[in-house]
Amino acid sequence: MIDTQLKDKVVLVTGANHGIGAATARAMAKQGAKVFIAYFRLGENYTSDRTNLYKQRQNLSADNILTEIKKKEGVVKALELDLSDVKSIKKLFDEVENAFGTVNILVNNAAYCDPDTFEPETSVKEVKTGLTSKTITLEVFEKHFAINTRAIALLINEFANRHRNKNASWGRIINISTDWAECFPTEISYGASKAAMESYSRSAAVELGKYGITVNIVAPGPIQTGWMTKEVEAAQAQNSPLRRIGQPEDIADVIVFLASQQSRWLTGQRLFVGGGNRLI
């Protein structure tokens, strides 16, 4: 069995109360890492055109994940806070350090997504996802970039500053994007905010390499986190080269690899993790 050398490493995973983040927290704990979960519930008034199941999962606390990991003798803690508030960044790292010590691995998974479009109509139905996109507004634009771009840039910076101050020589940053970042019709602000995040990631890889920090990007294809209806799920599976839809655990396993010692010579890279979705 491969030794990932993640035992006792301190891992901060954002957006980890459900979906990819929760699967990553479980996978890291299984490797013996000390896991700190950050999450935020948008509330029942969140109006994005997602399924009720997705909204329910997004509004869960992290209690179930904590209980599950602790039952398997994992080490885990959690904190709810809003990453769109710039003051929360320092607070989050302070909380992790008070609980476990210096953060070794940062997984930037938290994201905001409310489908929007340049189409002048009030709404446009996207065939592949079954979601309805609304004409772009300043409010929706700012929400996407506050979480998906600004917060991640500040989290990277805080991680790097504390890393240097402790004279640490090993670190991992893994940022979660989308395989449509370059061009995402009907989800234009989500795609653009992720593309900007990817640019930050590549710059960070160049600038932080001398401190022993690798920075990589995971770009998932369609993953069932509750947003797909049965009809969309069936269509996505039929169109996939592997004839199934992606699950959060499929992404979590790749994140573990990028955090592991086995990825030590990999930095500044974007891995498309979608079962061949981009081949079609």
Foldseek 3Di string as FASTA:
>chain_A
DDQQVQAAAEEEFEQCQFFLNLLLQLVSQVSNYAYEYEAEQPDPPPDAQFDPQLNVSNRDDNVVSVVVSVVVVGHYYYDYDDLLPVVVLVVVQVVSCVRRRAHAEYEQDDFDFRFAACDPDQWDQDVLQRGIHGHDDPVVLSRGLSRLPVSLLSNLVVNLVVLVVVLHQAHEYEYEAAPQLVHDHRRHSNSVSRVNNLVSQLVCQVVCVVSRYAGEYEHEYAEPRPRHDPVSQQVLLVQAPVSGWHYSNQRSVVVSCRRGPVCSVDHSYYDYRYNCNVVD
